[in-house]
Amino acid sequence: MLRLKVVSPEKVLFDGEVTRVIVPGTVGEFEILEYHAPIISSLEKGCVKYQAQATQEERLDILGGFVEVQKDEIRMCVEL
């Protein structure tokens, strides 16, 4: 399981466990799964997609931001 926390300057948008996350990186969309290598990347305008274990895929449209992956923890700061 991955721990995902998504924040904007105004509030926490999501904080919970997910099985996968797809983000719009500045050089292309990429997927984050368990045991992903540590990474910091900028994000561009697009759609963040994430899936909790027993739910349908959730979508969040963003204008940009940053993502950091470290030891199955994903932290995102996004602009809406």
PDB file of N, CA and C in Angstrom:
ATOM      1  N   MET A   1       0.832  -1.197   0.000  1.00  0.00           N
ATOM      2  CA  MET A   1       0.000   0.000   0.000  1.00  0.00           C
ATOM      3  C   MET A   1       0.870   1.250   0.000  1.00  0.00           C
ATOM      4  N   LEU A   2       0.375   2.260  -0.640  1.00  0.00           N
ATOM      5  CA  LEU A   2       1.021   3.569  -0.689  1.00  0.00           C
ATOM      6  C   LEU A   2       0.241   4.548   0.177  1.00  0.00           C
ATOM      7  N   ARG A   3       0.928   5.488   0.772  1.00  0.00           N
ATOM      8  CA  ARG A   3       0.277   6.561   1.529  1.00  0.00           C
ATOM      9  C   ARG A   3       0.345   7.808   0.661  1.00  0.00           C
ATOM     10  N   LEU A   4      -0.809   8.385   0.348  1.00  0.00           N
ATOM     11  CA  LEU A   4      -0.881   9.570  -0.509  1.00  0.00           C
ATOM     12  C   LEU A   4      -1.432  10.746   0.271  1.00  0.00           C
ATOM     13  N   LYS A   5      -0.726  11.869   0.182  1.00  0.00           N
ATOM     14  CA  LYS A   5      -1.220  13.122   0.764  1.00  0.00           C
ATOM     15  C   LYS A   5      -1.136  14.188  -0.318  1.00  0.00           C
ATOM     16  N   VAL A   6      -2.283  14.779  -0.632  1.00  0.00           N
ATOM     17  CA  VAL A   6      -2.367  15.828  -1.646  1.00  0.00           C
ATOM     18  C   VAL A   6      -2.847  17.100  -0.960  1.00  0.00           C
ATOM     19  N   VAL A   7      -2.043  18.167  -1.078  1.00  0.00           N
ATOM     20  CA  VAL A   7      -2.414  19.446  -0.473  1.00  0.00           C
ATOM     21  C   VAL A   7      -2.378  20.541  -1.530  1.00  0.00           C
ATOM     22  N   SER A   8      -3.203  21.540  -1.307  1.00  0.00           N
ATOM     23  CA  SER A   8      -3.172  22.773  -2.097  1.00  0.00           C
ATOM     24  C   SER A   8      -2.836  23.887  -1.108  1.00  0.00           C
ATOM     25  N   PRO A   9      -2.574  25.094  -1.579  1.00  0.00           N
ATOM     26  CA  PRO A   9      -2.310  26.185  -0.630  1.00  0.00           C
ATOM     27  C   PRO A   9      -3.470  26.424   0.342  1.00  0.00           C
ATOM     28  N   GLU A  10      -4.676  26.012  -0.043  1.00  0.00           N
ATOM     29  CA  GLU A  10      -5.853  26.275   0.787  1.00  0.00           C
ATOM     30  C   GLU A  10      -6.186  25.172   1.777  1.00  0.00           C
ATOM     31  N   LYS A  11      -5.950  23.877   1.388  1.00  0.00           N
ATOM     32  CA  LYS A  11      -6.425  22.786   2.246  1.00  0.00           C
ATOM     33  C   LYS A  11      -5.810  21.444   1.848  1.00  0.00           C
ATOM     34  N   VAL A  12      -6.058  20.438   2.681  1.00  0.00           N
ATOM     35  CA  VAL A  12      -5.691  19.062   2.364  1.00  0.00           C
ATOM     36  C   VAL A  12      -6.795  18.492   1.478  1.00  0.00           C
ATOM     37  N   LEU A  13      -6.422  18.000   0.297  1.00  0.00           N
ATOM     38  CA  LEU A  13      -7.399  17.479  -0.655  1.00  0.00           C
ATOM     39  C   LEU A  13      -7.627  15.981  -0.500  1.00  0.00           C
ATOM     40  N   PHE A  14      -6.569  15.256  -0.106  1.00  0.00           N
ATOM     41  CA  PHE A  14      -6.692  13.813   0.116  1.00  0.00           C
ATOM     42  C   PHE A  14      -5.557  13.369   1.027  1.00  0.00           C
ATOM     43  N   ASP A  15      -5.869  12.464   1.941  1.00  0.00           N
ATOM     44  CA  ASP A  15      -4.858  11.885   2.818  1.00  0.00           C
ATOM     45  C   ASP A  15      -5.313  10.471   3.149  1.00  0.00           C
ATOM     46  N   GLY A  16      -4.672   9.482   2.523  1.00  0.00           N
ATOM     47  CA  GLY A  16      -5.080   8.105   2.762  1.00  0.00           C
ATOM     48  C   GLY A  16      -4.245   7.110   1.998  1.00  0.00           C
ATOM     49  N   GLU A  17      -4.639   5.842   2.079  1.00  0.00           N
ATOM     50  CA  GLU A  17      -3.918   4.772   1.416  1.00  0.00           C
ATOM     51  C   GLU A  17      -4.488   4.514   0.032  1.00  0.00           C
ATOM     52  N   VAL A  18      -3.597   4.259  -0.907  1.00  0.00           N
ATOM     53  CA  VAL A  18      -3.984   3.991  -2.296  1.00  0.00           C
ATOM     54  C   VAL A  18      -3.144   2.835  -2.829  1.00  0.00           C
ATOM     55  N   THR A  19      -3.597   2.261  -3.942  1.00  0.00           N
ATOM     56  CA  THR A  19      -2.843   1.180  -4.570  1.00  0.00           C
ATOM     57  C   THR A  19      -1.975   1.684  -5.713  1.00  0.00           C
ATOM     58  N   ARG A  20      -2.368   2.821  -6.315  1.00  0.00           N
ATOM     59  CA  ARG A  20      -1.579   3.396  -7.407  1.00  0.00           C
ATOM     60  C   ARG A  20      -1.956   4.848  -7.624  1.00  0.00           C
ATOM     61  N   VAL A  21      -1.036   5.595  -8.242  1.00  0.00           N
ATOM     62  CA  VAL A  21      -1.268   7.005  -8.547  1.00  0.00           C
ATOM     63  C   VAL A  21      -0.687   7.281  -9.930  1.00  0.00           C
ATOM     64  N   ILE A  22      -1.420   8.010 -10.749  1.00  0.00           N
ATOM     65  CA  ILE A  22      -0.928   8.443 -12.060  1.00  0.00           C
ATOM     66  C   ILE A  22      -0.914   9.967 -12.050  1.00  0.00           C
ATOM     67  N   VAL A  23       0.233  10.552 -12.396  1.00  0.00           N
ATOM     68  CA  VAL A  23       0.389  12.007 -12.337  1.00  0.00           C
ATOM     69  C   VAL A  23       0.857  12.565 -13.680  1.00  0.00           C
ATOM     70  N   PRO A  24       0.503  13.831 -13.970  1.00  0.00           N
ATOM     71  CA  PRO A  24       0.940  14.478 -15.220  1.00  0.00           C
ATOM     72  C   PRO A  24       2.286  15.176 -15.043  1.00  0.00           C
ATOM     73  N   GLY A  25       3.378  14.436 -15.168  1.00  0.00           N
ATOM     74  CA  GLY A  25       4.709  15.025 -15.060  1.00  0.00           C
ATOM     75  C   GLY A  25       4.985  15.985 -16.207  1.00  0.00           C
ATOM     76  N   THR A  26       5.945  16.859 -16.040  1.00  0.00           N
ATOM     77  CA  THR A  26       6.239  17.852 -17.084  1.00  0.00           C
ATOM     78  C   THR A  26       6.839  17.217 -18.339  1.00  0.00           C
ATOM     79  N   VAL A  27       7.388  15.999 -18.226  1.00  0.00           N
ATOM     80  CA  VAL A  27       7.899  15.316 -19.417  1.00  0.00           C
ATOM     81  C   VAL A  27       7.023  14.118 -19.782  1.00  0.00           C
ATOM     82  N   GLY A  28       5.836  14.068 -19.234  1.00  0.00           N
ATOM     83  CA  GLY A  28       4.894  13.003 -19.563  1.00  0.00           C
ATOM     84  C   GLY A  28       4.272  12.386 -18.325  1.00  0.00           C
ATOM     85  N   GLU A  29       3.143  11.755 -18.544  1.00  0.00           N
ATOM     86  CA  GLU A  29       2.406  11.103 -17.468  1.00  0.00           C
ATOM     87  C   GLU A  29       3.192   9.886 -16.965  1.00  0.00           C
ATOM     88  N   PHE A  30       3.189   9.664 -15.637  1.00  0.00           N
ATOM     89  CA  PHE A  30       3.814   8.454 -15.116  1.00  0.00           C
ATOM     90  C   PHE A  30       3.024   7.896 -13.939  1.00  0.00           C
ATOM     91  N   GLU A  31       3.200   6.594 -13.720  1.00  0.00           N
ATOM     92  CA  GLU A  31       2.463   5.879 -12.684  1.00  0.00           C
ATOM     93  C   GLU A  31       3.376   5.552 -11.513  1.00  0.00           C
ATOM     94  N   ILE A  32       2.838   5.682 -10.313  1.00  0.00           N
ATOM     95  CA  ILE A  32       3.575   5.356  -9.094  1.00  0.00           C
ATOM     96  C   ILE A  32       2.892   4.165  -8.445  1.00  0.00           C
ATOM     97  N   LEU A  33       3.666   3.092  -8.259  1.00  0.00           N
ATOM     98  CA  LEU A  33       3.187   1.880  -7.608  1.00  0.00           C
ATOM     99  C   LEU A  33       4.036   1.631  -6.361  1.00  0.00           C
ATOM    100  N   GLU A  34       3.686   0.607  -5.586  1.00  0.00           N
ATOM    101  CA  GLU A  34       4.482   0.245  -4.411  1.00  0.00           C
ATOM    102  C   GLU A  34       5.938   0.028  -4.796  1.00  0.00           C
ATOM    103  N   TYR A  35       6.829   0.373  -3.907  1.00  0.00           N
ATOM    104  CA  TYR A  35       8.280   0.202  -4.071  1.00  0.00           C
ATOM    105  C   TYR A  35       8.866   1.078  -5.180  1.00  0.00           C
ATOM    106  N   HIS A  36       8.186   2.156  -5.541  1.00  0.00           N
ATOM    107  CA  HIS A  36       8.708   3.082  -6.555  1.00  0.00           C
ATOM    108  C   HIS A  36      10.001   3.716  -6.040  1.00  0.00           C
ATOM    109  N   ALA A  37      10.933   3.947  -6.939  1.00  0.00           N
ATOM    110  CA  ALA A  37      12.188   4.602  -6.571  1.00  0.00           C
ATOM    111  C   ALA A  37      11.900   6.016  -6.066  1.00  0.00           C
ATOM    112  N   PRO A  38      12.694   6.522  -5.142  1.00  0.00           N
ATOM    113  CA  PRO A  38      12.517   7.898  -4.672  1.00  0.00           C
ATOM    114  C   PRO A  38      12.622   8.873  -5.850  1.00  0.00           C
ATOM    115  N   ILE A  39      11.741   9.872  -5.851  1.00  0.00           N
ATOM    116  CA  ILE A  39      11.714  10.837  -6.950  1.00  0.00           C
ATOM    117  C   ILE A  39      11.082  12.135  -6.479  1.00  0.00           C
ATOM    118  N   ILE A  40      11.528  13.231  -7.062  1.00  0.00           N
ATOM    119  CA  ILE A  40      10.860  14.528  -6.925  1.00  0.00           C
ATOM    120  C   ILE A  40      10.651  15.019  -8.341  1.00  0.00           C
ATOM    121  N   SER A  41       9.425  15.433  -8.662  1.00  0.00           N
ATOM    122  CA  SER A  41       9.124  15.864 -10.020  1.00  0.00           C
ATOM    123  C   SER A  41       8.137  17.026  -9.999  1.00  0.00           C
ATOM    124  N   SER A  42       8.272  17.893 -10.978  1.00  0.00           N
ATOM    125  CA  SER A  42       7.274  18.946 -11.158  1.00  0.00           C
ATOM    126  C   SER A  42       6.105  18.355 -11.946  1.00  0.00           C
ATOM    127  N   LEU A  43       4.936  18.944 -11.748  1.00  0.00           N
ATOM    128  CA  LEU A  43       3.723  18.493 -12.427  1.00  0.00           C
ATOM    129  C   LEU A  43       3.187  19.617 -13.296  1.00  0.00           C
ATOM    130  N   GLU A  44       2.545  19.236 -14.390  1.00  0.00           N
ATOM    131  CA  GLU A  44       1.934  20.238 -15.257  1.00  0.00           C
ATOM    132  C   GLU A  44       0.418  20.093 -15.197  1.00  0.00           C
ATOM    133  N   LYS A  45      -0.252  20.969 -15.898  1.00  0.00           N
ATOM    134  CA  LYS A  45      -1.717  20.937 -15.947  1.00  0.00           C
ATOM    135  C   LYS A  45      -2.168  19.578 -16.463  1.00  0.00           C
ATOM    136  N   GLY A  46      -3.122  18.985 -15.754  1.00  0.00           N
ATOM    137  CA  GLY A  46      -3.626  17.678 -16.151  1.00  0.00           C
ATOM    138  C   GLY A  46      -4.455  17.054 -15.059  1.00  0.00           C
ATOM    139  N   CYS A  47      -4.518  15.738 -15.090  1.00  0.00           N
ATOM    140  CA  CYS A  47      -5.371  14.995 -14.172  1.00  0.00           C
ATOM    141  C   CYS A  47      -4.536  14.026 -13.342  1.00  0.00           C
ATOM    142  N   VAL A  48      -4.677  14.113 -12.021  1.00  0.00           N
ATOM    143  CA  VAL A  48      -4.086  13.138 -11.113  1.00  0.00           C
ATOM    144  C   VAL A  48      -5.144  12.056 -10.896  1.00  0.00           C
ATOM    145  N   LYS A  49      -4.743  10.798 -11.067  1.00  0.00           N
ATOM    146  CA  LYS A  49      -5.668   9.679 -10.871  1.00  0.00           C
ATOM    147  C   LYS A  49      -5.104   8.791  -9.775  1.00  0.00           C
ATOM    148  N   TYR A  50      -5.949   8.401  -8.828  1.00  0.00           N
ATOM    149  CA  TYR A  50      -5.513   7.520  -7.753  1.00  0.00           C
ATOM    150  C   TYR A  50      -6.627   6.577  -7.382  1.00  0.00           C
ATOM    151  N   GLN A  51      -6.235   5.417  -6.850  1.00  0.00           N
ATOM    152  CA  GLN A  51      -7.227   4.403  -6.529  1.00  0.00           C
ATOM    153  C   GLN A  51      -6.979   3.841  -5.142  1.00  0.00           C
ATOM    154  N   ALA A  52      -7.976   3.993  -4.280  1.00  0.00           N
ATOM    155  CA  ALA A  52      -7.934   3.344  -2.970  1.00  0.00           C
ATOM    156  C   ALA A  52      -8.304   1.880  -3.181  1.00  0.00           C
ATOM    157  N   GLN A  53      -8.028   1.058  -2.221  1.00  0.00           N
ATOM    158  CA  GLN A  53      -8.149  -0.378  -2.395  1.00  0.00           C
ATOM    159  C   GLN A  53      -9.516  -0.843  -2.909  1.00  0.00           C
ATOM    160  N   ALA A  54     -10.590  -0.417  -2.293  1.00  0.00           N
ATOM    161  CA  ALA A  54     -11.908  -0.965  -2.651  1.00  0.00           C
ATOM    162  C   ALA A  54     -12.812   0.055  -3.347  1.00  0.00           C
ATOM    163  N   THR A  55     -12.239   1.095  -3.924  1.00  0.00           N
ATOM    164  CA  THR A  55     -13.067   2.113  -4.562  1.00  0.00           C
ATOM    165  C   THR A  55     -12.688   2.279  -6.023  1.00  0.00           C
ATOM    166  N   GLN A  56     -13.538   2.990  -6.733  1.00  0.00           N
ATOM    167  CA  GLN A  56     -13.238   3.317  -8.124  1.00  0.00           C
ATOM    168  C   GLN A  56     -12.130   4.361  -8.174  1.00  0.00           C
ATOM    169  N   GLU A  57     -11.542   4.501  -9.336  1.00  0.00           N
ATOM    170  CA  GLU A  57     -10.491   5.491  -9.529  1.00  0.00           C
ATOM    171  C   GLU A  57     -11.031   6.901  -9.303  1.00  0.00           C
ATOM    172  N   GLU A  58     -10.308   7.685  -8.525  1.00  0.00           N
ATOM    173  CA  GLU A  58     -10.660   9.079  -8.275  1.00  0.00           C
ATOM    174  C   GLU A  58      -9.813   9.957  -9.190  1.00  0.00           C
ATOM    175  N   ARG A  59     -10.341  11.117  -9.563  1.00  0.00           N
ATOM    176  CA  ARG A  59      -9.630  12.026 -10.457  1.00  0.00           C
ATOM    177  C   ARG A  59      -9.620  13.426  -9.855  1.00  0.00           C
ATOM    178  N   LEU A  60      -8.497  14.115 -10.060  1.00  0.00           N
ATOM    179  CA  LEU A  60      -8.341  15.468  -9.553  1.00  0.00           C
ATOM    180  C   LEU A  60      -7.633  16.298 -10.623  1.00  0.00           C
ATOM    181  N   ASP A  61      -8.330  17.293 -11.171  1.00  0.00           N
ATOM    182  CA  ASP A  61      -7.726  18.174 -12.175  1.00  0.00           C
ATOM    183  C   ASP A  61      -6.863  19.220 -11.485  1.00  0.00           C
ATOM    184  N   ILE A  62      -5.630  19.372 -11.973  1.00  0.00           N
ATOM    185  CA  ILE A  62      -4.701  20.323 -11.375  1.00  0.00           C
ATOM    186  C   ILE A  62      -4.137  21.263 -12.441  1.00  0.00           C
ATOM    187  N   LEU A  63      -3.620  22.396 -11.993  1.00  0.00           N
ATOM    188  CA  LEU A  63      -2.966  23.354 -12.895  1.00  0.00           C
ATOM    189  C   LEU A  63      -1.446  23.177 -12.879  1.00  0.00           C
ATOM    190  N   GLY A  64      -0.929  22.466 -11.891  1.00  0.00           N
ATOM    191  CA  GLY A  64       0.506  22.232 -11.762  1.00  0.00           C
ATOM    192  C   GLY A  64       0.846  21.929 -10.328  1.00  0.00           C
ATOM    193  N   GLY A  65       2.139  21.697 -10.077  1.00  0.00           N
ATOM    194  CA  GLY A  65       2.577  21.425  -8.713  1.00  0.00           C
ATOM    195  C   GLY A  65       3.835  20.592  -8.678  1.00  0.00           C
ATOM    196  N   PHE A  66       4.007  19.875  -7.551  1.00  0.00           N
ATOM    197  CA  PHE A  66       5.176  19.027  -7.338  1.00  0.00           C
ATOM    198  C   PHE A  66       4.748  17.731  -6.663  1.00  0.00           C
ATOM    199  N   VAL A  67       5.509  16.672  -6.915  1.00  0.00           N
ATOM    200  CA  VAL A  67       5.277  15.386  -6.258  1.00  0.00           C
ATOM    201  C   VAL A  67       6.610  14.864  -5.728  1.00  0.00           C
ATOM    202  N   GLU A  68       6.563  14.253  -4.537  1.00  0.00           N
ATOM    203  CA  GLU A  68       7.735  13.608  -3.957  1.00  0.00           C
ATOM    204  C   GLU A  68       7.339  12.199  -3.538  1.00  0.00           C
ATOM    205  N   VAL A  69       8.148  11.221  -3.926  1.00  0.00           N
ATOM    206  CA  VAL A  69       7.927   9.831  -3.535  1.00  0.00           C
ATOM    207  C   VAL A  69       9.116   9.397  -2.691  1.00  0.00           C
ATOM    208  N   GLN A  70       8.830   8.820  -1.523  1.00  0.00           N
ATOM    209  CA  GLN A  70       9.875   8.391  -0.596  1.00  0.00           C
ATOM    210  C   GLN A  70       9.334   7.242   0.250  1.00  0.00           C
ATOM    211  N   LYS A  71       9.862   6.037   0.099  1.00  0.00           N
ATOM    212  CA  LYS A  71       9.480   4.884   0.932  1.00  0.00           C
ATOM    213  C   LYS A  71       7.969   4.650   0.964  1.00  0.00           C
ATOM    214  N   ASP A  72       7.354   4.511  -0.192  1.00  0.00           N
ATOM    215  CA  ASP A  72       5.917   4.257  -0.333  1.00  0.00           C
ATOM    216  C   ASP A  72       5.042   5.379   0.235  1.00  0.00           C
ATOM    217  N   GLU A  73       5.605   6.561   0.386  1.00  0.00           N
ATOM    218  CA  GLU A  73       4.835   7.744   0.758  1.00  0.00           C
ATOM    219  C   GLU A  73       4.909   8.742  -0.387  1.00  0.00           C
ATOM    220  N   ILE A  74       3.748   9.215  -0.811  1.00  0.00           N
ATOM    221  CA  ILE A  74       3.670  10.177  -1.905  1.00  0.00           C
ATOM    222  C   ILE A  74       3.094  11.472  -1.352  1.00  0.00           C
ATOM    223  N   ARG A  75       3.836  12.556  -1.530  1.00  0.00           N
ATOM    224  CA  ARG A  75       3.364  13.865  -1.098  1.00  0.00           C
ATOM    225  C   ARG A  75       3.262  14.760  -2.308  1.00  0.00           C
ATOM    226  N   MET A  76       2.111  15.383  -2.467  1.00  0.00           N
ATOM    227  CA  MET A  76       1.894  16.265  -3.601  1.00  0.00           C
ATOM    228  C   MET A  76       1.405  17.622  -3.133  1.00  0.00           C
ATOM    229  N   CYS A  77       1.973  18.663  -3.687  1.00  0.00           N
ATOM    230  CA  CYS A  77       1.500  20.021  -3.484  1.00  0.00           C
ATOM    231  C   CYS A  77       1.031  20.493  -4.839  1.00  0.00           C
ATOM    232  N   VAL A  78      -0.260  20.791  -4.960  1.00  0.00           N
ATOM    233  CA  VAL A  78      -0.833  21.112  -6.268  1.00  0.00           C
ATOM    234  C   VAL A  78      -1.559  22.448  -6.246  1.00  0.00           C
ATOM    235  N   GLU A  79      -1.698  23.003  -7.426  1.00  0.00           N
ATOM    236  CA  GLU A  79      -2.473  24.215  -7.640  1.00  0.00           C
ATOM    237  C   GLU A  79      -3.726  23.814  -8.404  1.00  0.00           C
ATOM    238  N   LEU A  80      -4.873  24.285  -7.932  1.00  0.00           N
ATOM    239  CA  LEU A  80      -6.147  23.942  -8.593  1.00  0.00           C
ATOM    240  C   LEU A  80      -6.626  25.036  -9.504  1.00  0.00           C
TER     241      LEU A  80
END
